Amino acid sequence: MLHIISTADWAAARSAGSIAPAAGEEFVHCSDRGVVHVTAGKFFHGRDGLLLLVVDPGRLDVPVRWEAVPDSPLWFPHVYGPIPVDAVVEVHDFPCSPDGSFVLPEPVAVL
């Protein structure tokens, strides 16, 4: 499972011990290799200073639900509660290309 986060938010999460759902949200938005490009393009197009976290769902003690999102046939994993930092098993730089799009880091692309 993958989660896109800014370097500043990752530093704050490490200090807090977990990644909490955003204000007003019930869950932490995640993706998998097949849909992370959709998330990156829609919400992070052209942004620098991002990381791609690999989360081990087996290390979570809160529910993960695969859910459809409005106006899309795609399903995304939603983590209904905080993601402990020890559930993050890999951290990768996630720079955008000159055109603002994103390419999966090679270690993630072969997971």
PDB file of N, CA and C in Angstrom:
ATOM      1  N   MET A   1       0.856  -1.155   0.000  1.00  0.00           N
ATOM      2  CA  MET A   1       0.000   0.000   0.000  1.00  0.00           C
ATOM      3  C   MET A   1       0.908   1.226   0.000  1.00  0.00           C
ATOM      4  N   LEU A   2       0.500   2.280  -0.704  1.00  0.00           N
ATOM      5  CA  LEU A   2       1.329   3.467  -0.874  1.00  0.00           C
ATOM      6  C   LEU A   2       0.613   4.705  -0.349  1.00  0.00           C
ATOM      7  N   HIS A   3       1.410   5.635   0.167  1.00  0.00           N
ATOM      8  CA  HIS A   3       0.868   6.906   0.647  1.00  0.00           C
ATOM      9  C   HIS A   3       1.807   8.019   0.214  1.00  0.00           C
ATOM     10  N   ILE A   4       1.258   9.049  -0.406  1.00  0.00           N
ATOM     11  CA  ILE A   4       2.033  10.218  -0.822  1.00  0.00           C
ATOM     12  C   ILE A   4       1.964  11.253   0.298  1.00  0.00           C
ATOM     13  N   ILE A   5       3.131  11.801   0.642  1.00  0.00           N
ATOM     14  CA  ILE A   5       3.189  12.751   1.750  1.00  0.00           C
ATOM     15  C   ILE A   5       4.306  13.756   1.484  1.00  0.00           C
ATOM     16  N   SER A   6       4.149  14.967   1.972  1.00  0.00           N
ATOM     17  CA  SER A   6       5.221  15.956   1.835  1.00  0.00           C
ATOM     18  C   SER A   6       6.328  15.630   2.837  1.00  0.00           C
ATOM     19  N   THR A   7       7.514  16.102   2.545  1.00  0.00           N
ATOM     20  CA  THR A   7       8.626  15.859   3.470  1.00  0.00           C
ATOM     21  C   THR A   7       8.336  16.495   4.829  1.00  0.00           C
ATOM     22  N   ALA A   8       7.707  17.666   4.838  1.00  0.00           N
ATOM     23  CA  ALA A   8       7.373  18.327   6.104  1.00  0.00           C
ATOM     24  C   ALA A   8       6.346  17.524   6.895  1.00  0.00           C
ATOM     25  N   ASP A   9       5.321  17.008   6.214  1.00  0.00           N
ATOM     26  CA  ASP A   9       4.304  16.211   6.909  1.00  0.00           C
ATOM     27  C   ASP A   9       4.878  14.890   7.408  1.00  0.00           C
ATOM     28  N   TRP A  10       5.819  14.306   6.666  1.00  0.00           N
ATOM     29  CA  TRP A  10       6.458  13.071   7.115  1.00  0.00           C
ATOM     30  C   TRP A  10       7.293  13.345   8.369  1.00  0.00           C
ATOM     31  N   ALA A  11       8.000  14.458   8.401  1.00  0.00           N
ATOM     32  CA  ALA A  11       8.774  14.816   9.594  1.00  0.00           C
ATOM     33  C   ALA A  11       7.847  14.989  10.796  1.00  0.00           C
ATOM     34  N   ALA A  12       6.713  15.639  10.589  1.00  0.00           N
ATOM     35  CA  ALA A  12       5.743  15.822  11.673  1.00  0.00           C
ATOM     36  C   ALA A  12       5.161  14.486  12.120  1.00  0.00           C
ATOM     37  N   ALA A  13       4.868  13.605  11.168  1.00  0.00           N
ATOM     38  CA  ALA A  13       4.324  12.284  11.501  1.00  0.00           C
ATOM     39  C   ALA A  13       5.334  11.471  12.302  1.00  0.00           C
ATOM     40  N   ARG A  14       6.595  11.534  11.912  1.00  0.00           N
ATOM     41  CA  ARG A  14       7.628  10.797  12.656  1.00  0.00           C
ATOM     42  C   ARG A  14       7.713  11.312  14.086  1.00  0.00           C
ATOM     43  N   SER A  15       7.602  12.613  14.269  1.00  0.00           N
ATOM     44  CA  SER A  15       7.625  13.179  15.623  1.00  0.00           C
ATOM     45  C   SER A  15       6.402  12.751  16.426  1.00  0.00           C
ATOM     46  N   ALA A  16       5.246  12.708  15.761  1.00  0.00           N
ATOM     47  CA  ALA A  16       3.996  12.336  16.424  1.00  0.00           C
ATOM     48  C   ALA A  16       3.855  10.830  16.607  1.00  0.00           C
ATOM     49  N   GLY A  17       4.572  10.056  15.788  1.00  0.00           N
ATOM     50  CA  GLY A  17       4.478   8.602  15.864  1.00  0.00           C
ATOM     51  C   GLY A  17       3.503   7.981  14.890  1.00  0.00           C
ATOM     52  N   SER A  18       2.746   8.826  14.170  1.00  0.00           N
ATOM     53  CA  SER A  18       1.785   8.271  13.216  1.00  0.00           C
ATOM     54  C   SER A  18       1.359   9.337  12.214  1.00  0.00           C
ATOM     55  N   ILE A  19       0.770   8.838  11.122  1.00  0.00           N
ATOM     56  CA  ILE A  19       0.139   9.692  10.115  1.00  0.00           C
ATOM     57  C   ILE A  19      -1.350   9.657  10.415  1.00  0.00           C
ATOM     58  N   ALA A  20      -1.909  10.785  10.773  1.00  0.00           N
ATOM     59  CA  ALA A  20      -3.328  10.857  11.118  1.00  0.00           C
ATOM     60  C   ALA A  20      -4.144  11.235   9.884  1.00  0.00           C
ATOM     61  N   PRO A  21      -5.428  10.874   9.871  1.00  0.00           N
ATOM     62  CA  PRO A  21      -6.289  11.367   8.798  1.00  0.00           C
ATOM     63  C   PRO A  21      -6.276  12.899   8.783  1.00  0.00           C
ATOM     64  N   ALA A  22      -6.392  13.472   7.602  1.00  0.00           N
ATOM     65  CA  ALA A  22      -6.437  14.933   7.476  1.00  0.00           C
ATOM     66  C   ALA A  22      -7.657  15.478   8.210  1.00  0.00           C
ATOM     67  N   ALA A  23      -7.579  16.726   8.616  1.00  0.00           N
ATOM     68  CA  ALA A  23      -8.697  17.369   9.312  1.00  0.00           C
ATOM     69  C   ALA A  23      -9.977  17.205   8.495  1.00  0.00           C
ATOM     70  N   GLY A  24     -11.022  16.763   9.160  1.00  0.00           N
ATOM     71  CA  GLY A  24     -12.306  16.573   8.502  1.00  0.00           C
ATOM     72  C   GLY A  24     -12.458  15.256   7.766  1.00  0.00           C
ATOM     73  N   GLU A  25     -11.424  14.428   7.772  1.00  0.00           N
ATOM     74  CA  GLU A  25     -11.459  13.125   7.089  1.00  0.00           C
ATOM     75  C   GLU A  25     -11.563  11.999   8.118  1.00  0.00           C
ATOM     76  N   GLU A  26     -12.200  10.920   7.721  1.00  0.00           N
ATOM     77  CA  GLU A  26     -12.299   9.739   8.579  1.00  0.00           C
ATOM     78  C   GLU A  26     -11.139   8.778   8.376  1.00  0.00           C
ATOM     79  N   PHE A  27     -10.404   8.939   7.282  1.00  0.00           N
ATOM     80  CA  PHE A  27      -9.392   7.950   6.927  1.00  0.00           C
ATOM     81  C   PHE A  27      -8.190   8.615   6.286  1.00  0.00           C
ATOM     82  N   VAL A  28      -7.096   7.853   6.212  1.00  0.00           N
ATOM     83  CA  VAL A  28      -5.900   8.279   5.493  1.00  0.00           C
ATOM     84  C   VAL A  28      -6.006   7.718   4.083  1.00  0.00           C
ATOM     85  N   HIS A  29      -5.869   8.580   3.096  1.00  0.00           N
ATOM     86  CA  HIS A  29      -5.941   8.165   1.696  1.00  0.00           C
ATOM     87  C   HIS A  29      -4.662   7.425   1.310  1.00  0.00           C
ATOM     88  N   CYS A  30      -4.819   6.269   0.698  1.00  0.00           N
ATOM     89  CA  CYS A  30      -3.677   5.503   0.200  1.00  0.00           C
ATOM     90  C   CYS A  30      -3.970   5.058  -1.230  1.00  0.00           C
ATOM     91  N   SER A  31      -2.996   4.412  -1.822  1.00  0.00           N
ATOM     92  CA  SER A  31      -3.111   3.914  -3.193  1.00  0.00           C
ATOM     93  C   SER A  31      -2.357   2.600  -3.277  1.00  0.00           C
ATOM     94  N   ASP A  32      -2.395   2.002  -4.454  1.00  0.00           N
ATOM     95  CA  ASP A  32      -1.500   0.888  -4.750  1.00  0.00           C
ATOM     96  C   ASP A  32      -0.764   1.245  -6.043  1.00  0.00           C
ATOM     97  N   ARG A  33       0.110   0.363  -6.491  1.00  0.00           N
ATOM     98  CA  ARG A  33       0.899   0.670  -7.689  1.00  0.00           C
ATOM     99  C   ARG A  33       0.031   0.969  -8.898  1.00  0.00           C
ATOM    100  N   GLY A  34      -1.120   0.335  -8.980  1.00  0.00           N
ATOM    101  CA  GLY A  34      -1.971   0.492 -10.153  1.00  0.00           C
ATOM    102  C   GLY A  34      -2.712   1.813 -10.228  1.00  0.00           C
ATOM    103  N   VAL A  35      -2.888   2.489  -9.094  1.00  0.00           N
ATOM    104  CA  VAL A  35      -3.684   3.726  -9.093  1.00  0.00           C
ATOM    105  C   VAL A  35      -2.947   4.938  -8.526  1.00  0.00           C
ATOM    106  N   VAL A  36      -1.723   4.754  -8.038  1.00  0.00           N
ATOM    107  CA  VAL A  36      -1.026   5.883  -7.402  1.00  0.00           C
ATOM    108  C   VAL A  36      -0.793   7.029  -8.385  1.00  0.00           C
ATOM    109  N   HIS A  37      -0.633   6.715  -9.664  1.00  0.00           N
ATOM    110  CA  HIS A  37      -0.446   7.783 -10.654  1.00  0.00           C
ATOM    111  C   HIS A  37      -1.685   8.672 -10.764  1.00  0.00           C
ATOM    112  N   VAL A  38      -2.864   8.090 -10.548  1.00  0.00           N
ATOM    113  CA  VAL A  38      -4.104   8.867 -10.584  1.00  0.00           C
ATOM    114  C   VAL A  38      -4.123   9.847  -9.411  1.00  0.00           C
ATOM    115  N   THR A  39      -3.820   9.333  -8.226  1.00  0.00           N
ATOM    116  CA  THR A  39      -3.771  10.180  -7.030  1.00  0.00           C
ATOM    117  C   THR A  39      -2.733  11.284  -7.194  1.00  0.00           C
ATOM    118  N   ALA A  40      -1.542  10.905  -7.638  1.00  0.00           N
ATOM    119  CA  ALA A  40      -0.457  11.882  -7.794  1.00  0.00           C
ATOM    120  C   ALA A  40      -0.841  12.968  -8.794  1.00  0.00           C
ATOM    121  N   GLY A  41      -1.412  12.560  -9.920  1.00  0.00           N
ATOM    122  CA  GLY A  41      -1.781  13.526 -10.944  1.00  0.00           C
ATOM    123  C   GLY A  41      -2.903  14.453 -10.527  1.00  0.00           C
ATOM    124  N   LYS A  42      -3.870  13.921  -9.807  1.00  0.00           N
ATOM    125  CA  LYS A  42      -5.038  14.724  -9.432  1.00  0.00           C
ATOM    126  C   LYS A  42      -4.744  15.689  -8.281  1.00  0.00           C
ATOM    127  N   PHE A  43      -4.007  15.217  -7.279  1.00  0.00           N
ATOM    128  CA  PHE A  43      -3.838  16.013  -6.068  1.00  0.00           C
ATOM    129  C   PHE A  43      -2.451  16.639  -5.896  1.00  0.00           C
ATOM    130  N   PHE A  44      -1.457  16.161  -6.639  1.00  0.00           N
ATOM    131  CA  PHE A  44      -0.085  16.617  -6.405  1.00  0.00           C
ATOM    132  C   PHE A  44       0.623  17.088  -7.676  1.00  0.00           C
ATOM    133  N   HIS A  45      -0.086  17.242  -8.778  1.00  0.00           N
ATOM    134  CA  HIS A  45       0.522  17.609 -10.058  1.00  0.00           C
ATOM    135  C   HIS A  45       1.469  18.797  -9.896  1.00  0.00           C
ATOM    136  N   GLY A  46       2.710  18.601 -10.312  1.00  0.00           N
ATOM    137  CA  GLY A  46       3.689  19.676 -10.301  1.00  0.00           C
ATOM    138  C   GLY A  46       4.311  20.002  -8.960  1.00  0.00           C
ATOM    139  N   ARG A  47       3.934  19.282  -7.911  1.00  0.00           N
ATOM    140  CA  ARG A  47       4.472  19.591  -6.579  1.00  0.00           C
ATOM    141  C   ARG A  47       5.801  18.900  -6.345  1.00  0.00           C
ATOM    142  N   ASP A  48       6.698  19.623  -5.738  1.00  0.00           N
ATOM    143  CA  ASP A  48       7.984  19.072  -5.322  1.00  0.00           C
ATOM    144  C   ASP A  48       7.941  18.790  -3.826  1.00  0.00           C
ATOM    145  N   GLY A  49       9.000  18.142  -3.336  1.00  0.00           N
ATOM    146  CA  GLY A  49       9.108  17.887  -1.901  1.00  0.00           C
ATOM    147  C   GLY A  49       8.195  16.794  -1.404  1.00  0.00           C
ATOM    148  N   LEU A  50       7.940  15.803  -2.270  1.00  0.00           N
ATOM    149  CA  LEU A  50       7.053  14.704  -1.889  1.00  0.00           C
ATOM    150  C   LEU A  50       7.831  13.414  -1.678  1.00  0.00           C
ATOM    151  N   LEU A  51       7.244  12.566  -0.856  1.00  0.00           N
ATOM    152  CA  LEU A  51       7.769  11.227  -0.616  1.00  0.00           C
ATOM    153  C   LEU A  51       6.674  10.224  -0.929  1.00  0.00           C
ATOM    154  N   LEU A  52       7.088   9.025  -1.295  1.00  0.00           N
ATOM    155  CA  LEU A  52       6.163   7.919  -1.492  1.00  0.00           C
ATOM    156  C   LEU A  52       6.485   6.882  -0.424  1.00  0.00           C
ATOM    157  N   LEU A  53       5.531   6.654   0.467  1.00  0.00           N
ATOM    158  CA  LEU A  53       5.723   5.708   1.555  1.00  0.00           C
ATOM    159  C   LEU A  53       5.117   4.365   1.180  1.00  0.00           C
ATOM    160  N   VAL A  54       5.816   3.296   1.506  1.00  0.00           N
ATOM    161  CA  VAL A  54       5.280   1.946   1.357  1.00  0.00           C
ATOM    162  C   VAL A  54       4.828   1.511   2.745  1.00  0.00           C
ATOM    163  N   VAL A  55       3.545   1.220   2.871  1.00  0.00           N
ATOM    164  CA  VAL A  55       2.940   0.863   4.151  1.00  0.00           C
ATOM    165  C   VAL A  55       2.615  -0.625   4.142  1.00  0.00           C
ATOM    166  N   ASP A  56       3.000  -1.320   5.204  1.00  0.00           N
ATOM    167  CA  ASP A  56       2.678  -2.739   5.369  1.00  0.00           C
ATOM    168  C   ASP A  56       1.332  -2.835   6.083  1.00  0.00           C
ATOM    169  N   PRO A  57       0.255  -3.236   5.372  1.00  0.00           N
ATOM    170  CA  PRO A  57      -1.061  -3.312   6.009  1.00  0.00           C
ATOM    171  C   PRO A  57      -1.095  -4.273   7.197  1.00  0.00           C
ATOM    172  N   GLY A  58      -0.201  -5.257   7.213  1.00  0.00           N
ATOM    173  CA  GLY A  58      -0.141  -6.201   8.324  1.00  0.00           C
ATOM    174  C   GLY A  58       0.317  -5.571   9.626  1.00  0.00           C
ATOM    175  N   ARG A  59       0.880  -4.376   9.548  1.00  0.00           N
ATOM    176  CA  ARG A  59       1.343  -3.676  10.752  1.00  0.00           C
ATOM    177  C   ARG A  59       0.326  -2.647  11.261  1.00  0.00           C
ATOM    178  N   LEU A  60      -0.847  -2.634  10.667  1.00  0.00           N
ATOM    179  CA  LEU A  60      -1.887  -1.689  11.085  1.00  0.00           C
ATOM    180  C   LEU A  60      -2.835  -2.362  12.061  1.00  0.00           C
ATOM    181  N   ASP A  61      -3.323  -1.591  13.016  1.00  0.00           N
ATOM    182  CA  ASP A  61      -4.327  -2.125  13.942  1.00  0.00           C
ATOM    183  C   ASP A  61      -5.666  -1.407  13.778  1.00  0.00           C
ATOM    184  N   VAL A  62      -5.842  -0.799  12.610  1.00  0.00           N
ATOM    185  CA  VAL A  62      -7.097  -0.131  12.254  1.00  0.00           C
ATOM    186  C   VAL A  62      -7.563  -0.698  10.913  1.00  0.00           C
ATOM    187  N   PRO A  63      -8.850  -0.582  10.610  1.00  0.00           N
ATOM    188  CA  PRO A  63      -9.360  -1.166   9.366  1.00  0.00           C
ATOM    189  C   PRO A  63      -8.828  -0.479   8.108  1.00  0.00           C
ATOM    190  N   VAL A  64      -8.618  -1.300   7.085  1.00  0.00           N
ATOM    191  CA  VAL A  64      -8.317  -0.812   5.736  1.00  0.00           C
ATOM    192  C   VAL A  64      -9.480  -1.255   4.860  1.00  0.00           C
ATOM    193  N   ARG A  65     -10.103  -0.308   4.195  1.00  0.00           N
ATOM    194  CA  ARG A  65     -11.232  -0.623   3.321  1.00  0.00           C
ATOM    195  C   ARG A  65     -10.911  -0.155   1.911  1.00  0.00           C
ATOM    196  N   TRP A  66     -11.108  -1.044   0.953  1.00  0.00           N
ATOM    197  CA  TRP A  66     -10.961  -0.672  -0.458  1.00  0.00           C
ATOM    198  C   TRP A  66     -12.301  -0.116  -0.894  1.00  0.00           C
ATOM    199  N   GLU A  67     -12.273   1.143  -1.329  1.00  0.00           N
ATOM    200  CA  GLU A  67     -13.519   1.818  -1.650  1.00  0.00           C
ATOM    201  C   GLU A  67     -13.412   2.548  -2.982  1.00  0.00           C
ATOM    202  N   ALA A  68     -14.543   2.600  -3.663  1.00  0.00           N
ATOM    203  CA  ALA A  68     -14.624   3.379  -4.901  1.00  0.00           C
ATOM    204  C   ALA A  68     -14.721   4.850  -4.528  1.00  0.00           C
ATOM    205  N   VAL A  69     -14.292   5.685  -5.434  1.00  0.00           N
ATOM    206  CA  VAL A  69     -14.421   7.130  -5.227  1.00  0.00           C
ATOM    207  C   VAL A  69     -15.399   7.663  -6.271  1.00  0.00           C
ATOM    208  N   PRO A  70     -16.049   8.787  -5.973  1.00  0.00           N
ATOM    209  CA  PRO A  70     -17.037   9.323  -6.919  1.00  0.00           C
ATOM    210  C   PRO A  70     -16.433   9.577  -8.304  1.00  0.00           C
ATOM    211  N   ASP A  71     -17.210   9.299  -9.307  1.00  0.00           N
ATOM    212  CA  ASP A  71     -16.847   9.576 -10.702  1.00  0.00           C
ATOM    213  C   ASP A  71     -15.612   8.824 -11.174  1.00  0.00           C
ATOM    214  N   SER A  72     -15.369   7.643 -10.612  1.00  0.00           N
ATOM    215  CA  SER A  72     -14.215   6.845 -11.029  1.00  0.00           C
ATOM    216  C   SER A  72     -14.535   5.364 -10.856  1.00  0.00           C
ATOM    217  N   PRO A  73     -14.073   4.530 -11.779  1.00  0.00           N
ATOM    218  CA  PRO A  73     -14.262   3.087 -11.619  1.00  0.00           C
ATOM    219  C   PRO A  73     -13.181   2.468 -10.722  1.00  0.00           C
ATOM    220  N   LEU A  74     -12.218   3.283 -10.275  1.00  0.00           N
ATOM    221  CA  LEU A  74     -11.083   2.770  -9.512  1.00  0.00           C
ATOM    222  C   LEU A  74     -11.407   2.660  -8.025  1.00  0.00           C
ATOM    223  N   TRP A  75     -10.730   1.713  -7.381  1.00  0.00           N
ATOM    224  CA  TRP A  75     -10.870   1.513  -5.944  1.00  0.00           C
ATOM    225  C   TRP A  75      -9.547   1.864  -5.270  1.00  0.00           C
ATOM    226  N   PHE A  76      -9.647   2.442  -4.079  1.00  0.00           N
ATOM    227  CA  PHE A  76      -8.473   2.889  -3.344  1.00  0.00           C
ATOM    228  C   PHE A  76      -8.532   2.370  -1.913  1.00  0.00           C
ATOM    229  N   PRO A  77      -7.362   2.049  -1.327  1.00  0.00           N
ATOM    230  CA  PRO A  77      -7.351   1.651   0.085  1.00  0.00           C
ATOM    231  C   PRO A  77      -7.438   2.885   0.983  1.00  0.00           C
ATOM    232  N   HIS A  78      -8.371   2.842   1.907  1.00  0.00           N
ATOM    233  CA  HIS A  78      -8.543   3.909   2.889  1.00  0.00           C
ATOM    234  C   HIS A  78      -8.259   3.315   4.264  1.00  0.00           C
ATOM    235  N   VAL A  79      -7.372   3.949   5.003  1.00  0.00           N
ATOM    236  CA  VAL A  79      -6.980   3.473   6.332  1.00  0.00           C
ATOM    237  C   VAL A  79      -7.786   4.266   7.356  1.00  0.00           C
ATOM    238  N   TYR A  80      -8.685   3.581   8.053  1.00  0.00           N
ATOM    239  CA  TYR A  80      -9.605   4.229   8.986  1.00  0.00           C
ATOM    240  C   TYR A  80      -8.982   4.383  10.366  1.00  0.00           C
ATOM    241  N   GLY A  81      -8.021   5.276  10.429  1.00  0.00           N
ATOM    242  CA  GLY A  81      -7.318   5.581  11.669  1.00  0.00           C
ATOM    243  C   GLY A  81      -5.892   5.942  11.338  1.00  0.00           C
ATOM    244  N   PRO A  82      -5.106   6.225  12.361  1.00  0.00           N
ATOM    245  CA  PRO A  82      -3.720   6.625  12.117  1.00  0.00           C
ATOM    246  C   PRO A  82      -2.861   5.470  11.615  1.00  0.00           C
ATOM    247  N   ILE A  83      -1.877   5.814  10.799  1.00  0.00           N
ATOM    248  CA  ILE A  83      -0.883   4.847  10.326  1.00  0.00           C
ATOM    249  C   ILE A  83       0.360   5.028  11.196  1.00  0.00           C
ATOM    250  N   PRO A  84       0.702   4.040  12.033  1.00  0.00           N
ATOM    251  CA  PRO A  84       1.914   4.171  12.847  1.00  0.00           C
ATOM    252  C   PRO A  84       3.151   4.254  11.951  1.00  0.00           C
ATOM    253  N   VAL A  85       4.123   5.062  12.350  1.00  0.00           N
ATOM    254  CA  VAL A  85       5.318   5.194  11.517  1.00  0.00           C
ATOM    255  C   VAL A  85       6.044   3.865  11.370  1.00  0.00           C
ATOM    256  N   ASP A  86       5.886   2.947  12.332  1.00  0.00           N
ATOM    257  CA  ASP A  86       6.561   1.652  12.182  1.00  0.00           C
ATOM    258  C   ASP A  86       5.865   0.742  11.179  1.00  0.00           C
ATOM    259  N   ALA A  87       4.706   1.157  10.650  1.00  0.00           N
ATOM    260  CA  ALA A  87       4.054   0.417   9.563  1.00  0.00           C
ATOM    261  C   ALA A  87       4.613   0.834   8.204  1.00  0.00           C
ATOM    262  N   VAL A  88       5.384   1.912   8.184  1.00  0.00           N
ATOM    263  CA  VAL A  88       6.018   2.387   6.950  1.00  0.00           C
ATOM    264  C   VAL A  88       7.332   1.630   6.787  1.00  0.00           C
ATOM    265  N   VAL A  89       7.391   0.783   5.765  1.00  0.00           N
ATOM    266  CA  VAL A  89       8.555  -0.094   5.594  1.00  0.00           C
ATOM    267  C   VAL A  89       9.552   0.426   4.566  1.00  0.00           C
ATOM    268  N   GLU A  90       9.151   1.393   3.749  1.00  0.00           N
ATOM    269  CA  GLU A  90      10.058   2.020   2.786  1.00  0.00           C
ATOM    270  C   GLU A  90       9.639   3.471   2.593  1.00  0.00           C
ATOM    271  N   VAL A  91      10.638   4.322   2.363  1.00  0.00           N
ATOM    272  CA  VAL A  91      10.407   5.736   2.078  1.00  0.00           C
ATOM    273  C   VAL A  91      11.205   6.079   0.825  1.00  0.00           C
ATOM    274  N   HIS A  92      10.531   6.624  -0.181  1.00  0.00           N
ATOM    275  CA  HIS A  92      11.184   6.960  -1.454  1.00  0.00           C
ATOM    276  C   HIS A  92      10.908   8.412  -1.813  1.00  0.00           C
ATOM    277  N   ASP A  93      11.926   9.094  -2.336  1.00  0.00           N
ATOM    278  CA  ASP A  93      11.685  10.407  -2.926  1.00  0.00           C
ATOM    279  C   ASP A  93      10.697  10.226  -4.073  1.00  0.00           C
ATOM    280  N   PHE A  94       9.807  11.201  -4.248  1.00  0.00           N
ATOM    281  CA  PHE A  94       8.785  11.113  -5.291  1.00  0.00           C
ATOM    282  C   PHE A  94       8.736  12.439  -6.054  1.00  0.00           C
ATOM    283  N   PRO A  95       9.813  12.726  -6.806  1.00  0.00           N
ATOM    284  CA  PRO A  95       9.866  14.003  -7.526  1.00  0.00           C
ATOM    285  C   PRO A  95       8.950  13.997  -8.745  1.00  0.00           C
ATOM    286  N   CYS A  96       8.478  15.176  -9.091  1.00  0.00           N
ATOM    287  CA  CYS A  96       7.673  15.265 -10.306  1.00  0.00           C
ATOM    288  C   CYS A  96       8.595  15.476 -11.501  1.00  0.00           C
ATOM    289  N   SER A  97       8.131  15.030 -12.645  1.00  0.00           N
ATOM    290  CA  SER A  97       8.844  15.223 -13.905  1.00  0.00           C
ATOM    291  C   SER A  97       8.682  16.677 -14.343  1.00  0.00           C
ATOM    292  N   PRO A  98       9.461  17.120 -15.330  1.00  0.00           N
ATOM    293  CA  PRO A  98       9.319  18.504 -15.813  1.00  0.00           C
ATOM    294  C   PRO A  98       7.894  18.862 -16.246  1.00  0.00           C
ATOM    295  N   ASP A  99       7.128  17.862 -16.714  1.00  0.00           N
ATOM    296  CA  ASP A  99       5.750  18.145 -17.133  1.00  0.00           C
ATOM    297  C   ASP A  99       4.757  18.099 -15.970  1.00  0.00           C
ATOM    298  N   GLY A 100       5.257  17.882 -14.743  1.00  0.00           N
ATOM    299  CA  GLY A 100       4.395  17.865 -13.564  1.00  0.00           C
ATOM    300  C   GLY A 100       3.852  16.510 -13.194  1.00  0.00           C
ATOM    301  N   SER A 101       4.107  15.494 -14.021  1.00  0.00           N
ATOM    302  CA  SER A 101       3.620  14.143 -13.734  1.00  0.00           C
ATOM    303  C   SER A 101       4.624  13.402 -12.847  1.00  0.00           C
ATOM    304  N   PHE A 102       4.275  12.195 -12.473  1.00  0.00           N
ATOM    305  CA  PHE A 102       5.111  11.397 -11.583  1.00  0.00           C
ATOM    306  C   PHE A 102       5.373  10.026 -12.183  1.00  0.00           C
ATOM    307  N   VAL A 103       6.545   9.488 -11.885  1.00  0.00           N
ATOM    308  CA  VAL A 103       6.924   8.136 -12.280  1.00  0.00           C
ATOM    309  C   VAL A 103       7.273   7.394 -11.000  1.00  0.00           C
ATOM    310  N   LEU A 104       6.766   6.176 -10.880  1.00  0.00           N
ATOM    311  CA  LEU A 104       7.073   5.388  -9.683  1.00  0.00           C
ATOM    312  C   LEU A 104       8.573   5.168  -9.547  1.00  0.00           C
ATOM    313  N   PRO A 105       9.110   5.312  -8.344  1.00  0.00           N
ATOM    314  CA  PRO A 105      10.510   4.949  -8.133  1.00  0.00           C
ATOM    315  C   PRO A 105      10.709   3.475  -8.478  1.00  0.00           C
ATOM    316  N   GLU A 106      11.838   3.137  -9.060  1.00  0.00           N
ATOM    317  CA  GLU A 106      12.072   1.770  -9.521  1.00  0.00           C
ATOM    318  C   GLU A 106      11.823   0.711  -8.449  1.00  0.00           C
ATOM    319  N   PRO A 107      12.292   0.892  -7.202  1.00  0.00           N
ATOM    320  CA  PRO A 107      12.025  -0.157  -6.201  1.00  0.00           C
ATOM    321  C   PRO A 107      10.535  -0.393  -5.965  1.00  0.00           C
ATOM    322  N   VAL A 108       9.720   0.636  -6.110  1.00  0.00           N
ATOM    323  CA  VAL A 108       8.276   0.493  -5.917  1.00  0.00           C
ATOM    324  C   VAL A 108       7.637  -0.120  -7.154  1.00  0.00           C
ATOM    325  N   ALA A 109       8.132   0.224  -8.313  1.00  0.00           N
ATOM    326  CA  ALA A 109       7.565  -0.278  -9.564  1.00  0.00           C
ATOM    327  C   ALA A 109       7.672  -1.788  -9.676  1.00  0.00           C
ATOM    328  N   VAL A 110       8.639  -2.384  -8.992  1.00  0.00           N
ATOM    329  CA  VAL A 110       8.832  -3.833  -9.095  1.00  0.00           C
ATOM    330  C   VAL A 110       8.291  -4.585  -7.887  1.00  0.00           C
ATOM    331  N   LEU A 111       7.584  -3.909  -6.990  1.00  0.00           N
ATOM    332  CA  LEU A 111       7.001  -4.593  -5.823  1.00  0.00           C
ATOM    333  C   LEU A 111       6.041  -5.669  -6.256  1.00  0.00           C
TER     334      LEU A 111
END
